[in-house]
C-alpha atoms as a PDB file:
ATOM      1  CA  MET A   1      -9.775  -1.749  32.056  1.00  0.00           C
ATOM      2  CA  GLN A   2      -6.198  -0.943  33.020  1.00  0.00           C
ATOM      3  CA  ASP A   3      -5.099   2.545  33.979  1.00  0.00           C
ATOM      4  CA  PHE A   4      -2.845   4.315  31.486  1.00  0.00           C
ATOM      5  CA  GLY A   5       0.394   3.756  33.401  1.00  0.00           C
ATOM      6  CA  GLU A   6      -0.177   0.032  33.741  1.00  0.00           C
ATOM      7  CA  ALA A   7      -1.317  -0.247  30.122  1.00  0.00           C
ATOM      8  CA  PHE A   8       1.810   1.472  28.792  1.00  0.00           C
ATOM      9  CA  ALA A   9       4.075  -0.631  31.013  1.00  0.00           C
ATOM     10  CA  LEU A  10       2.438  -3.851  29.800  1.00  0.00           C
ATOM     11  CA  ALA A  11       2.543  -2.632  26.199  1.00  0.00           C
ATOM     12  CA  PHE A  12       6.280  -1.924  26.199  1.00  0.00           C
ATOM     13  CA  GLY A  13       6.823  -5.227  27.967  1.00  0.00           C
ATOM     14  CA  LEU A  14       5.021  -6.970  25.108  1.00  0.00           C
ATOM     15  CA  VAL A  15       7.094  -5.100  22.518  1.00  0.00           C
ATOM     16  CA  LEU A  16      10.379  -5.972  24.239  1.00  0.00           C
ATOM     17  CA  ARG A  17       9.325  -9.589  24.904  1.00  0.00           C
ATOM     18  CA  PRO A  18       6.752 -10.243  22.165  1.00  0.00           C
ATOM     19  CA  SER A  19       4.275 -13.044  22.662  1.00  0.00           C
ATOM     20  CA  GLY A  20       3.341 -15.573  20.023  1.00  0.00           C
ATOM     21  CA  ASP A  21       0.032 -13.803  19.401  1.00  0.00           C
ATOM     22  CA  LEU A  22       1.746 -10.456  18.843  1.00  0.00           C
ATOM     23  CA  LEU A  23       4.266 -11.924  16.406  1.00  0.00           C
ATOM     24  CA  GLU A  24       1.514 -13.767  14.559  1.00  0.00           C
ATOM     25  CA  ILE A  25      -0.551 -10.595  14.119  1.00  0.00           C
ATOM     26  CA  VAL A  26       2.435  -8.519  12.989  1.00  0.00           C
ATOM     27  CA  GLY A  27       3.606 -11.261  10.630  1.00  0.00           C
ATOM     28  CA  LEU A  28       0.205 -11.565   8.966  1.00  0.00           C
ATOM     29  CA  SER A  29      -0.050  -7.792   8.646  1.00  0.00           C
ATOM     30  CA  LEU A  30       3.295  -7.619   6.844  1.00  0.00           C
ATOM     31  CA  GLN A  31       2.443 -10.618   4.664  1.00  0.00           C
ATOM     32  CA  VAL A  32      -0.882  -9.140   3.548  1.00  0.00           C
ATOM     33  CA  SER A  33       0.388  -5.598   3.001  1.00  0.00           C
ATOM     34  CA  LEU A  34       3.592  -6.596   1.203  1.00  0.00           C
ATOM     35  CA  SER A  35       1.648  -8.944  -1.081  1.00  0.00           C
ATOM     36  CA  ALA A  36      -0.876  -6.223  -1.860  1.00  0.00           C
ATOM     37  CA  CYS A  37       1.927  -3.716  -2.485  1.00  0.00           C
ATOM     38  CA  LEU A  38       3.665  -6.108  -4.895  1.00  0.00           C
ATOM     39  CA  LEU A  39       0.467  -6.740  -6.840  1.00  0.00           C
ATOM     40  CA  ALA A  40      -0.359  -3.017  -6.895  1.00  0.00           C
ATOM     41  CA  CYS A  41       3.108  -2.256  -8.305  1.00  0.00           C
ATOM     42  CA  LEU A  42       2.795  -4.951 -10.962  1.00  0.00           C
ATOM     43  CA  ILE A  43      -0.455  -3.323 -12.103  1.00  0.00           C
ATOM     44  CA  GLY A  44       0.055   0.326 -11.224  1.00  0.00           C
ATOM     45  CA  LEU A  45       3.590   0.972 -12.499  1.00  0.00           C
ATOM     46  CA  PRO A  46       2.915  -0.171 -16.102  1.00  0.00           C
ATOM     47  CA  LEU A  47      -0.406   1.682 -16.017  1.00  0.00           C
ATOM     48  CA  GLY A  48       1.298   4.852 -14.811  1.00  0.00           C
ATOM     49  CA  ALA A  49       3.980   4.496 -17.500  1.00  0.00           C
ATOM     50  CA  CYS A  50       1.327   4.001 -20.193  1.00  0.00           C
ATOM     51  CA  LEU A  51      -0.535   7.133 -19.140  1.00  0.00           C
ATOM     52  CA  ALA A  52       2.726   9.093 -18.960  1.00  0.00           C
ATOM     53  CA  VAL A  53       3.784   8.172 -22.496  1.00  0.00           C
ATOM     54  CA  SER A  54       0.530   7.724 -24.409  1.00  0.00           C
ATOM     55  CA  ARG A  55      -1.649  10.457 -25.864  1.00  0.00           C
ATOM     56  CA  PHE A  56      -5.168   9.341 -26.717  1.00  0.00           C
ATOM     57  CA  ARG A  57      -8.715  10.599 -26.804  1.00  0.00           C
ATOM     58  CA  GLY A  58     -10.140  10.615 -23.306  1.00  0.00           C
ATOM     59  CA  ARG A  59      -6.752  10.687 -21.565  1.00  0.00           C
ATOM     60  CA  GLY A  60      -7.784  13.703 -19.494  1.00  0.00           C
ATOM     61  CA  ALA A  61     -10.885  11.881 -18.274  1.00  0.00           C
ATOM     62  CA  ALA A  62      -8.759   8.822 -17.458  1.00  0.00           C
ATOM     63  CA  LEU A  63      -6.400  10.956 -15.372  1.00  0.00           C
ATOM     64  CA  VAL A  64      -9.306  12.561 -13.535  1.00  0.00           C
ATOM     65  CA  LEU A  65     -10.753   9.121 -12.790  1.00  0.00           C
ATOM     66  CA  LEU A  66      -7.399   7.769 -11.639  1.00  0.00           C
ATOM     67  CA  ASN A  67      -6.815  10.706  -9.309  1.00  0.00           C
ATOM     68  CA  ALA A  68     -10.347  10.336  -7.944  1.00  0.00           C
ATOM     69  CA  LEU A  69      -9.743   6.633  -7.244  1.00  0.00           C
ATOM     70  CA  MET A  70      -6.838   7.607  -4.983  1.00  0.00           C
ATOM     71  CA  GLY A  71      -9.464   8.698  -2.467  1.00  0.00           C
ATOM     72  CA  LEU A  72     -11.542   5.511  -2.584  1.00  0.00           C
ATOM     73  CA  PRO A  73     -13.348   5.026   0.750  1.00  0.00           C
ATOM     74  CA  PRO A  74     -11.919   1.825   2.258  1.00  0.00           C
ATOM     75  CA  VAL A  75     -15.262   0.652   3.602  1.00  0.00           C
ATOM     76  CA  VAL A  76     -16.808   0.962   0.131  1.00  0.00           C
ATOM     77  CA  VAL A  77     -13.976  -1.099  -1.344  1.00  0.00           C
ATOM     78  CA  GLY A  78     -14.451  -3.641   1.426  1.00  0.00           C
ATOM     79  CA  LEU A  79     -18.171  -3.830   0.729  1.00  0.00           C
ATOM     80  CA  LEU A  80     -17.675  -4.295  -3.018  1.00  0.00           C
ATOM     81  CA  VAL A  81     -15.053  -7.000  -2.495  1.00  0.00           C
ATOM     82  CA  TYR A  82     -17.325  -8.661   0.065  1.00  0.00           C
ATOM     83  CA  LEU A  83     -20.209  -8.742  -2.429  1.00  0.00           C
ATOM     84  CA  ALA A  84     -17.948 -10.086  -5.167  1.00  0.00           C
ATOM     85  CA  LEU A  85     -16.518 -12.851  -2.971  1.00  0.00           C
ATOM     86  CA  SER A  86     -19.710 -13.832  -1.149  1.00  0.00           C
ATOM     87  CA  ARG A  87     -21.405 -17.076  -2.125  1.00  0.00           C
ATOM     88  CA  ALA A  88     -23.929 -15.206  -4.273  1.00  0.00           C
ATOM     89  CA  GLY A  89     -21.221 -13.062  -5.872  1.00  0.00           C
ATOM     90  CA  PRO A  90     -19.431 -13.648  -9.175  1.00  0.00           C
ATOM     91  CA  LEU A  91     -16.211 -14.738  -7.434  1.00  0.00           C
ATOM     92  CA  GLY A  92     -17.839 -16.722  -4.657  1.00  0.00           C
ATOM     93  CA  PHE A  93     -16.602 -20.007  -6.140  1.00  0.00           C
ATOM     94  CA  LEU A  94     -13.044 -19.014  -5.167  1.00  0.00           C
ATOM     95  CA  GLY A  95     -13.865 -19.305  -1.462  1.00  0.00           C
ATOM     96  CA  LEU A  96     -11.670 -16.335  -0.559  1.00  0.00           C
ATOM     97  CA  LEU A  97     -14.019 -14.483   1.776  1.00  0.00           C
ATOM     98  CA  TYR A  98     -12.681 -14.256   5.344  1.00  0.00           C
ATOM     99  CA  THR A  99      -9.208 -15.317   4.250  1.00  0.00           C
ATOM    100  CA  PRO A 100      -5.938 -13.391   3.880  1.00  0.00           C
ATOM    101  CA  GLY A 101      -6.480 -13.598   0.108  1.00  0.00           C
ATOM    102  CA  ALA A 102      -9.584 -11.417   0.368  1.00  0.00           C
ATOM    103  CA  MET A 103      -7.670  -8.883   2.454  1.00  0.00           C
ATOM    104  CA  ILE A 104      -4.853  -8.794  -0.111  1.00  0.00           C
ATOM    105  CA  LEU A 105      -7.406  -8.220  -2.878  1.00  0.00           C
ATOM    106  CA  ALA A 106      -9.064  -5.350  -1.005  1.00  0.00           C
ATOM    107  CA  GLN A 107      -5.749  -3.659  -0.216  1.00  0.00           C
ATOM    108  CA  THR A 108      -4.569  -4.108  -3.809  1.00  0.00           C
ATOM    109  CA  ILE A 109      -7.671  -2.344  -5.114  1.00  0.00           C
ATOM    110  CA  LEU A 110      -7.114   0.475  -2.633  1.00  0.00           C
ATOM    111  CA  ILE A 111      -3.467   1.189  -3.340  1.00  0.00           C
ATOM    112  CA  THR A 112      -3.215   0.445  -7.088  1.00  0.00           C
ATOM    113  CA  PRO A 113      -4.642   3.881  -8.023  1.00  0.00           C
ATOM    114  CA  ILE A 114      -2.160   5.521  -5.635  1.00  0.00           C
ATOM    115  CA  VAL A 115       0.787   3.698  -7.203  1.00  0.00           C
ATOM    116  CA  ALA A 116      -0.455   4.381 -10.745  1.00  0.00           C
ATOM    117  CA  ALA A 117      -1.155   8.080 -10.180  1.00  0.00           C
ATOM    118  CA  LEU A 118       2.103   8.827  -8.358  1.00  0.00           C
ATOM    119  CA  SER A 119       4.204   6.868 -10.844  1.00  0.00           C
ATOM    120  CA  ARG A 120       2.467   8.629 -13.733  1.00  0.00           C
ATOM    121  CA  GLN A 121       3.508  12.001 -12.321  1.00  0.00           C
ATOM    122  CA  VAL A 122       7.122  10.882 -11.887  1.00  0.00           C
ATOM    123  CA  LEU A 123       7.365   9.266 -15.318  1.00  0.00           C
ATOM    124  CA  GLU A 124       5.591  12.056 -17.195  1.00  0.00           C
ATOM    125  CA  THR A 125       8.095  14.591 -15.877  1.00  0.00           C
ATOM    126  CA  LEU A 126      10.970  12.323 -16.899  1.00  0.00           C
ATOM    127  CA  HIS A 127       9.412  11.665 -20.299  1.00  0.00           C
ATOM    128  CA  ALA A 128       9.161  15.390 -21.015  1.00  0.00           C
ATOM    129  CA  GLU A 129      12.869  15.717 -20.248  1.00  0.00           C
ATOM    130  CA  TYR A 130      13.921  12.903 -22.592  1.00  0.00           C
ATOM    131  CA  ALA A 131      11.192  13.163 -25.260  1.00  0.00           C
ATOM    132  CA  ASP A 132      13.499  14.510 -27.987  1.00  0.00           C
ATOM    133  CA  GLN A 133      16.101  11.849 -27.306  1.00  0.00           C
ATOM    134  CA  PHE A 134      13.498   9.088 -27.439  1.00  0.00           C
ATOM    135  CA  ARG A 135      12.192  10.416 -30.776  1.00  0.00           C
ATOM    136  CA  SER A 136      15.698  10.547 -32.228  1.00  0.00           C
ATOM    137  CA  LEU A 137      16.241   6.911 -31.271  1.00  0.00           C
ATOM    138  CA  CYS A 138      12.873   5.925 -32.816  1.00  0.00           C
ATOM    139  CA  LEU A 139      11.881   3.957 -29.714  1.00  0.00           C
ATOM    140  CA  THR A 140       8.565   2.156 -29.614  1.00  0.00           C
ATOM    141  CA  PRO A 141       6.124   3.093 -26.832  1.00  0.00           C
ATOM    142  CA  TRP A 142       6.980  -0.146 -25.039  1.00  0.00           C
ATOM    143  CA  GLN A 143      10.710   0.590 -25.215  1.00  0.00           C
ATOM    144  CA  THR A 144      10.073   4.132 -24.014  1.00  0.00           C
ATOM    145  CA  MET A 145       8.055   2.917 -21.031  1.00  0.00           C
ATOM    146  CA  SER A 146      10.705   0.322 -20.158  1.00  0.00           C
ATOM    147  CA  ALA A 147      13.455   2.948 -20.297  1.00  0.00           C
ATOM    148  CA  LEU A 148      11.459   5.350 -18.120  1.00  0.00           C
ATOM    149  CA  LEU A 149      10.639   2.690 -15.535  1.00  0.00           C
ATOM    150  CA  TRP A 150      14.292   1.703 -15.275  1.00  0.00           C
ATOM    151  CA  ASP A 151      15.632   5.251 -15.145  1.00  0.00           C
ATOM    152  CA  ALA A 152      13.116   6.286 -12.476  1.00  0.00           C
ATOM    153  CA  ARG A 153      13.504   3.120 -10.406  1.00  0.00           C
ATOM    154  CA  ALA A 154      14.707   4.943  -7.285  1.00  0.00           C
ATOM    155  CA  ALA A 155      11.785   7.373  -7.344  1.00  0.00           C
ATOM    156  CA  LEU A 156       9.393   4.498  -7.999  1.00  0.00           C
ATOM    157  CA  VAL A 157      10.644   2.717  -4.892  1.00  0.00           C
ATOM    158  CA  THR A 158       9.360   5.691  -2.894  1.00  0.00           C
ATOM    159  CA  VAL A 159       6.022   5.303  -4.685  1.00  0.00           C
ATOM    160  CA  ALA A 160       5.931   1.636  -3.679  1.00  0.00           C
ATOM    161  CA  LEU A 161       6.775   2.542  -0.072  1.00  0.00           C
ATOM    162  CA  ALA A 162       3.935   5.079  -0.047  1.00  0.00           C
ATOM    163  CA  GLY A 163       1.586   2.334  -1.224  1.00  0.00           C
ATOM    164  CA  PHE A 164       2.839  -0.050   1.452  1.00  0.00           C
ATOM    165  CA  GLY A 165       2.394   2.585   4.143  1.00  0.00           C
ATOM    166  CA  ARG A 166      -1.203   3.092   3.025  1.00  0.00           C
ATOM    167  CA  ALA A 167      -1.859  -0.643   2.964  1.00  0.00           C
ATOM    168  CA  VAL A 168      -0.419  -1.530   6.368  1.00  0.00           C
ATOM    169  CA  ALA A 169      -2.511   1.175   8.053  1.00  0.00           C
ATOM    170  CA  GLU A 170      -5.784   0.035   6.463  1.00  0.00           C
ATOM    171  CA  VAL A 171      -8.584  -1.143   8.778  1.00  0.00           C
ATOM    172  CA  GLY A 172     -12.047  -0.682   7.233  1.00  0.00           C
ATOM    173  CA  ALA A 173     -11.765  -2.846   4.135  1.00  0.00           C
ATOM    174  CA  VAL A 174      -9.793  -5.666   5.778  1.00  0.00           C
ATOM    175  CA  MET A 175     -12.247  -5.759   8.680  1.00  0.00           C
ATOM    176  CA  ILE A 176     -15.153  -6.309   6.269  1.00  0.00           C
ATOM    177  CA  VAL A 177     -13.582  -8.948   4.020  1.00  0.00           C
ATOM    178  CA  GLY A 178     -11.319 -10.585   6.628  1.00  0.00           C
ATOM    179  CA  GLY A 179     -13.656 -10.678   9.580  1.00  0.00           C
ATOM    180  CA  ASN A 180     -10.844 -10.181  12.128  1.00  0.00           C
ATOM    181  CA  ILE A 181     -10.740 -13.926  12.875  1.00  0.00           C
ATOM    182  CA  ASP A 182      -8.205 -14.908  15.530  1.00  0.00           C
ATOM    183  CA  HIS A 183      -5.221 -16.875  14.177  1.00  0.00           C
ATOM    184  CA  LEU A 184      -6.506 -16.468  10.611  1.00  0.00           C
ATOM    185  CA  THR A 185      -7.235 -12.896   9.495  1.00  0.00           C
ATOM    186  CA  ARG A 186      -6.396 -10.716  12.495  1.00  0.00           C
ATOM    187  CA  VAL A 187      -3.939  -7.977  11.535  1.00  0.00           C
ATOM    188  CA  MET A 188      -2.548  -5.059  13.519  1.00  0.00           C
ATOM    189  CA  THR A 189      -5.206  -2.475  12.697  1.00  0.00           C
ATOM    190  CA  THR A 190      -8.178  -4.766  13.286  1.00  0.00           C
ATOM    191  CA  ALA A 191      -6.621  -6.153  16.477  1.00  0.00           C
ATOM    192  CA  ILE A 192      -6.093  -2.611  17.798  1.00  0.00           C
ATOM    193  CA  ALA A 193      -9.763  -1.807  17.149  1.00  0.00           C
ATOM    194  CA  LEU A 194     -10.914  -5.030  18.826  1.00  0.00           C
ATOM    195  CA  GLU A 195      -8.680  -4.800  21.891  1.00  0.00           C
ATOM    196  CA  THR A 196      -9.570  -1.141  22.428  1.00  0.00           C
ATOM    197  CA  SER A 197     -13.295  -1.930  22.288  1.00  0.00           C
ATOM    198  CA  LYS A 198     -12.722  -4.654  24.905  1.00  0.00           C
ATOM    199  CA  GLY A 199     -10.805  -2.260  27.144  1.00  0.00           C
ATOM    200  CA  GLU A 200      -7.633  -4.364  26.875  1.00  0.00           C
ATOM    201  CA  LEU A 201      -5.233  -1.548  26.178  1.00  0.00           C
ATOM    202  CA  ALA A 202      -1.901  -3.336  26.612  1.00  0.00           C
ATOM    203  CA  LEU A 203      -2.001  -5.395  23.407  1.00  0.00           C
ATOM    204  CA  ALA A 204      -3.636  -2.519  21.526  1.00  0.00           C
ATOM    205  CA  LEU A 205      -0.849  -0.140  22.580  1.00  0.00           C
ATOM    206  CA  ALA A 206       1.853  -2.708  21.805  1.00  0.00           C
ATOM    207  CA  LEU A 207       0.480  -3.166  18.304  1.00  0.00           C
ATOM    208  CA  GLY A 208       0.170   0.599  17.979  1.00  0.00           C
ATOM    209  CA  VAL A 209       3.856   0.985  18.867  1.00  0.00           C
ATOM    210  CA  VAL A 210       4.827  -1.597  16.238  1.00  0.00           C
ATOM    211  CA  LEU A 211       2.593   0.066  13.643  1.00  0.00           C
ATOM    212  CA  MET A 212       4.102   3.459  14.391  1.00  0.00           C
ATOM    213  CA  PHE A 213       7.591   1.984  14.119  1.00  0.00           C
ATOM    214  CA  ILE A 214       6.742   0.538  10.698  1.00  0.00           C
ATOM    215  CA  ALA A 215       5.300   3.883   9.582  1.00  0.00           C
ATOM    216  CA  LEU A 216       8.425   5.704  10.768  1.00  0.00           C
ATOM    217  CA  ALA A 217      10.665   3.140   9.048  1.00  0.00           C
ATOM    218  CA  VAL A 218       8.786   3.556   5.767  1.00  0.00           C
ATOM    219  CA  ASN A 219       9.000   7.353   5.954  1.00  0.00           C
ATOM    220  CA  ALA A 220      12.683   7.208   6.865  1.00  0.00           C
ATOM    221  CA  ALA A 221      13.339   4.950   3.883  1.00  0.00           C
ATOM    222  CA  VAL A 222      11.530   7.407   1.596  1.00  0.00           C
ATOM    223  CA  GLN A 223      13.569  10.322   2.934  1.00  0.00           C
ATOM    224  CA  LEU A 224      16.850   8.430   2.568  1.00  0.00           C
ATOM    225  CA  LEU A 225      16.035   7.563  -1.027  1.00  0.00           C
ATOM    226  CA  ARG A 226      15.180  11.182  -1.776  1.00  0.00           C
ATOM    227  CA  LEU A 227      18.423  12.363  -0.198  1.00  0.00           C
ATOM    228  CA  ARG A 228      20.366   9.824  -2.234  1.00  0.00           C
ATOM    229  CA  ASP A 229      18.675  11.093  -5.398  1.00  0.00           C
ATOM    230  CA  THR A 230      19.440  14.740  -4.668  1.00  0.00           C
ATOM    231  CA  THR A 231      23.021  14.252  -3.445  1.00  0.00           C
ATOM    232  CA  PRO A 232      24.576  13.728  -6.898  1.00  0.00           C
ATOM    233  CA  GLU A 233      22.771  16.818  -8.202  1.00  0.00           C
ATOM    234  CA  ALA A 234      24.051  18.839  -5.270  1.00  0.00           C
ATOM    235  CA  ALA A 235      27.562  17.523  -5.864  1.00  0.00           C
ATOM    236  CA  HIS A 236      27.457  18.537  -9.565  1.00  0.00           C
ATOM    237  CA  ALA A 237      26.099  21.949  -8.611  1.00  0.00           C
END
Protein backbone atom coordinates (compact mmCIF):
# COMPACT_ATOMS: atom_id res chain seq x y z
CA MET A 1 0.00 0.00 0.00
CA GLN A 2 1.40 3.36 -1.05
CA ASP A 3 1.74 6.25 1.36
CA PHE A 4 -0.62 9.17 0.79
CA GLY A 5 1.93 11.45 -0.87
CA GLU A 6 2.98 8.82 -3.38
CA ALA A 7 -0.63 7.81 -4.02
CA PHE A 8 -1.71 11.38 -4.77
CA ALA A 9 1.30 11.97 -7.02
CA LEU A 10 0.55 8.80 -9.00
CA ALA A 11 -3.15 9.67 -9.14
CA PHE A 12 -2.62 13.12 -10.63
CA GLY A 13 -0.09 11.62 -13.01
CA LEU A 14 -2.77 9.20 -14.21
CA VAL A 15 -5.29 12.03 -14.63
CA LEU A 16 -2.84 14.17 -16.62
CA ARG A 17 -1.59 11.20 -18.69
CA PRO A 18 -4.54 8.79 -18.58
CA SER A 19 -3.90 5.14 -19.28
CA GLY A 20 -6.03 2.97 -21.51
CA ASP A 21 -7.63 1.31 -18.48
CA LEU A 22 -8.60 4.66 -16.96
CA LEU A 23 -10.14 5.92 -20.19
CA GLU A 24 -12.00 2.65 -20.66
CA ILE A 25 -13.51 2.80 -17.17
CA VAL A 26 -14.50 6.47 -17.50
CA GLY A 27 -15.94 5.89 -20.97
CA LEU A 28 -18.09 2.97 -19.83
CA SER A 29 -19.28 4.95 -16.82
CA LEU A 30 -20.43 7.82 -19.03
CA GLN A 31 -22.01 5.44 -21.55
CA VAL A 32 -24.02 3.61 -18.88
CA SER A 33 -25.09 6.70 -16.96
CA LEU A 34 -26.00 8.78 -20.02
CA SER A 35 -28.03 5.89 -21.45
CA ALA A 36 -29.84 5.42 -18.15
CA CYS A 37 -30.48 9.17 -17.90
CA LEU A 38 -31.94 9.26 -21.43
CA LEU A 39 -34.25 6.33 -20.73
CA ALA A 40 -35.28 7.81 -17.37
CA CYS A 41 -36.16 11.10 -19.08
CA LEU A 42 -38.17 9.35 -21.79
CA ILE A 43 -40.22 7.66 -19.06
CA GLY A 44 -40.09 10.17 -16.22
CA LEU A 45 -40.81 13.46 -18.02
CA PRO A 46 -44.13 12.32 -19.58
CA LEU A 47 -45.07 10.68 -16.28
CA GLY A 48 -44.31 13.88 -14.38
CA ALA A 49 -46.31 15.92 -16.91
CA CYS A 50 -49.27 13.53 -16.61
CA LEU A 51 -49.30 13.80 -12.83
CA ALA A 52 -48.96 17.59 -13.03
CA VAL A 53 -51.95 18.00 -15.35
CA SER A 54 -54.28 15.13 -14.47
CA ARG A 55 -56.68 14.96 -11.55
CA PHE A 56 -57.89 11.46 -10.74
CA ARG A 57 -58.91 9.30 -7.83
CA GLY A 58 -55.83 8.07 -6.03
CA ARG A 59 -53.55 10.84 -7.33
CA GLY A 60 -52.43 11.69 -3.80
CA ALA A 61 -51.43 8.08 -3.18
CA ALA A 62 -49.57 8.03 -6.51
CA LEU A 63 -47.62 11.14 -5.53
CA VAL A 64 -46.75 9.66 -2.15
CA LEU A 65 -45.54 6.48 -3.84
CA LEU A 66 -43.52 8.40 -6.41
CA ASN A 67 -41.83 10.53 -3.75
CA ALA A 68 -41.09 7.40 -1.71
CA LEU A 69 -39.49 5.74 -4.75
CA MET A 70 -37.01 8.62 -4.93
CA GLY A 71 -35.32 7.05 -1.91
CA LEU A 72 -35.11 3.52 -3.30
CA PRO A 73 -32.14 1.69 -1.73
CA PRO A 74 -29.72 0.97 -4.59
CA VAL A 75 -28.79 -2.46 -3.29
CA VAL A 76 -32.46 -3.47 -3.20
CA VAL A 77 -32.89 -2.31 -6.80
CA GLY A 78 -29.76 -4.23 -7.73
CA LEU A 79 -31.07 -7.36 -6.04
CA LEU A 80 -34.47 -7.14 -7.76
CA VAL A 81 -32.88 -6.58 -11.17
CA TYR A 82 -30.48 -9.45 -10.49
CA LEU A 83 -33.38 -11.79 -9.69
CA ALA A 84 -35.28 -10.67 -12.77
CA LEU A 85 -32.30 -11.15 -15.10
CA SER A 86 -30.93 -14.36 -13.59
CA ARG A 87 -31.45 -17.59 -15.49
CA ALA A 88 -34.39 -18.52 -13.25
CA GLY A 89 -35.90 -15.04 -13.52
CA PRO A 90 -38.60 -13.85 -15.91
CA LEU A 91 -36.10 -11.89 -18.03
CA GLY A 92 -33.30 -14.42 -17.89
CA PHE A 93 -33.76 -15.28 -21.58
CA LEU A 94 -32.39 -11.83 -22.47
CA GLY A 95 -28.93 -12.75 -21.18
CA LEU A 96 -28.33 -9.26 -19.80
CA LEU A 97 -26.94 -10.16 -16.38
CA TYR A 98 -23.32 -9.01 -15.91
CA THR A 99 -23.50 -6.77 -18.96
CA PRO A 100 -23.68 -2.98 -19.35
CA GLY A 101 -27.34 -3.46 -20.30
CA ALA A 102 -28.15 -4.73 -16.81
CA MET A 103 -26.37 -1.75 -15.27
CA ILE A 104 -28.33 0.65 -17.49
CA LEU A 105 -31.57 -1.04 -16.43
CA ALA A 106 -30.72 -0.77 -12.73
CA GLN A 107 -29.73 2.89 -13.00
CA THR A 108 -32.86 3.67 -15.03
CA ILE A 109 -35.07 2.19 -12.32
CA LEU A 110 -33.22 4.22 -9.70
CA ILE A 111 -33.39 7.62 -11.34
CA THR A 112 -36.76 7.48 -13.14
CA PRO A 113 -38.68 8.32 -9.93
CA ILE A 114 -36.31 11.24 -9.32
CA VAL A 115 -36.86 12.63 -12.82
CA ALA A 116 -40.63 12.09 -12.62
CA ALA A 117 -41.04 13.64 -9.17
CA LEU A 118 -38.87 16.69 -9.85
CA SER A 119 -40.42 17.33 -13.25
CA ARG A 120 -43.90 16.99 -11.75
CA GLN A 121 -43.11 19.76 -9.27
CA VAL A 122 -41.78 22.05 -12.00
CA LEU A 123 -44.66 21.39 -14.39
CA GLU A 124 -47.41 21.60 -11.77
CA THR A 125 -46.25 25.08 -10.77
CA LEU A 126 -46.19 26.13 -14.42
CA HIS A 127 -49.59 24.56 -15.06
CA ALA A 128 -51.15 26.52 -12.21
CA GLU A 129 -49.81 29.72 -13.77
CA TYR A 130 -51.23 29.00 -17.23
CA ALA A 131 -54.35 26.99 -16.29
CA ASP A 132 -56.83 29.71 -17.29
CA GLN A 133 -55.11 30.28 -20.61
CA PHE A 134 -55.10 26.56 -21.38
CA ARG A 135 -58.83 26.34 -20.59
CA SER A 136 -59.61 29.30 -22.82
CA LEU A 137 -57.78 27.62 -25.70
CA CYS A 138 -59.66 24.34 -25.07
CA LEU A 139 -56.43 22.32 -25.18
CA THR A 140 -56.55 18.58 -24.74
CA PRO A 141 -54.54 17.07 -21.87
CA TRP A 142 -51.94 15.85 -24.37
CA GLN A 143 -51.59 19.32 -25.88
CA THR A 144 -51.35 20.82 -22.41
CA MET A 145 -48.59 18.41 -21.40
CA SER A 146 -46.69 19.05 -24.64
CA ALA A 147 -46.90 22.82 -24.12
CA LEU A 148 -45.72 22.53 -20.52
CA LEU A 149 -42.80 20.27 -21.41
CA TRP A 150 -41.66 22.67 -24.12
CA ASP A 151 -42.08 25.81 -22.03
CA ALA A 152 -40.22 24.30 -19.07
CA ARG A 153 -37.46 22.74 -21.17
CA ALA A 154 -34.66 24.70 -19.50
CA ALA A 155 -35.79 23.73 -16.01
CA LEU A 156 -36.22 20.13 -17.14
CA VAL A 157 -32.62 20.05 -18.33
CA THR A 158 -31.60 20.68 -14.72
CA VAL A 159 -33.85 17.77 -13.71
CA ALA A 160 -32.08 15.55 -16.24
CA LEU A 161 -28.68 16.69 -14.96
CA ALA A 162 -29.74 15.84 -11.40
CA GLY A 163 -30.69 12.36 -12.61
CA PHE A 164 -27.36 11.95 -14.39
CA GLY A 165 -25.45 13.05 -11.31
CA ARG A 166 -27.30 10.43 -9.26
CA ALA A 167 -26.65 7.74 -11.85
CA VAL A 168 -22.93 8.32 -12.35
CA ALA A 169 -22.30 8.14 -8.60
CA GLU A 170 -24.17 4.85 -8.15
CA VAL A 171 -22.20 1.83 -6.88
CA GLY A 172 -24.42 -0.69 -5.06
CA ALA A 173 -26.85 -1.64 -7.80
CA VAL A 174 -24.29 -1.70 -10.63
CA MET A 175 -21.94 -3.82 -8.52
CA ILE A 176 -24.66 -6.46 -8.05
CA VAL A 177 -25.94 -6.65 -11.63
CA GLY A 178 -22.66 -5.81 -13.41
CA GLY A 179 -20.24 -7.83 -11.35
CA ASN A 180 -17.40 -5.31 -11.77
CA ILE A 181 -15.83 -7.40 -14.55
CA ASP A 182 -12.60 -5.96 -15.95
CA HIS A 183 -12.91 -4.64 -19.52
CA LEU A 184 -16.65 -5.37 -19.52
CA THR A 185 -18.65 -3.88 -16.64
CA ARG A 186 -16.11 -2.00 -14.52
CA VAL A 187 -17.19 1.61 -14.00
CA MET A 188 -15.68 4.39 -11.90
CA THR A 189 -17.53 3.73 -8.65
CA THR A 190 -17.01 -0.03 -8.65
CA ALA A 191 -13.36 0.37 -9.67
CA ILE A 192 -12.78 2.82 -6.80
CA ALA A 193 -14.26 0.31 -4.34
CA LEU A 194 -12.15 -2.53 -5.76
CA GLU A 195 -8.85 -0.65 -5.92
CA THR A 196 -9.32 0.73 -2.41
CA SER A 197 -9.96 -2.76 -1.02
CA LYS A 198 -6.74 -3.93 -2.72
CA GLY A 199 -4.78 -1.03 -1.25
CA GLU A 200 -3.99 0.35 -4.72
CA LEU A 201 -4.84 3.95 -4.03
CA ALA A 202 -3.41 5.62 -7.13
CA LEU A 203 -6.04 4.42 -9.62
CA ALA A 204 -8.78 4.79 -7.00
CA LEU A 205 -7.79 8.42 -6.36
CA ALA A 206 -7.46 9.16 -10.08
CA LEU A 207 -10.97 7.85 -10.70
CA GLY A 208 -12.17 9.78 -7.66
CA VAL A 209 -10.73 12.99 -9.13
CA VAL A 210 -12.50 12.35 -12.44
CA LEU A 211 -15.76 11.54 -10.66
CA MET A 212 -15.52 14.72 -8.61
CA PHE A 213 -14.82 16.72 -11.76
CA ILE A 214 -17.92 15.26 -13.41
CA ALA A 215 -20.00 16.05 -10.32
CA LEU A 216 -18.70 19.62 -10.26
CA ALA A 217 -19.36 20.01 -14.00
CA VAL A 218 -22.94 18.79 -13.58
CA ASN A 219 -23.57 21.15 -10.67
CA ALA A 220 -21.99 24.05 -12.54
CA ALA A 221 -24.22 23.35 -15.53
CA VAL A 222 -27.29 23.34 -13.27
CA GLN A 223 -26.28 26.66 -11.71
CA LEU A 224 -25.61 28.25 -15.10
CA LEU A 225 -29.01 27.16 -16.37
CA ARG A 226 -30.69 28.58 -13.28
CA LEU A 227 -28.84 31.87 -13.68
CA ARG A 228 -29.87 32.03 -17.32
CA ASP A 229 -33.49 31.45 -16.31
CA THR A 230 -33.47 34.17 -13.65
CA THR A 231 -31.53 36.78 -15.65
CA PRO A 232 -34.43 37.82 -17.91
CA GLU A 233 -36.70 38.17 -14.87
CA ALA A 234 -34.11 40.32 -13.14
CA ALA A 235 -33.74 42.43 -16.27
CA HIS A 236 -37.53 43.01 -16.48
CA ALA A 237 -37.62 43.86 -12.78
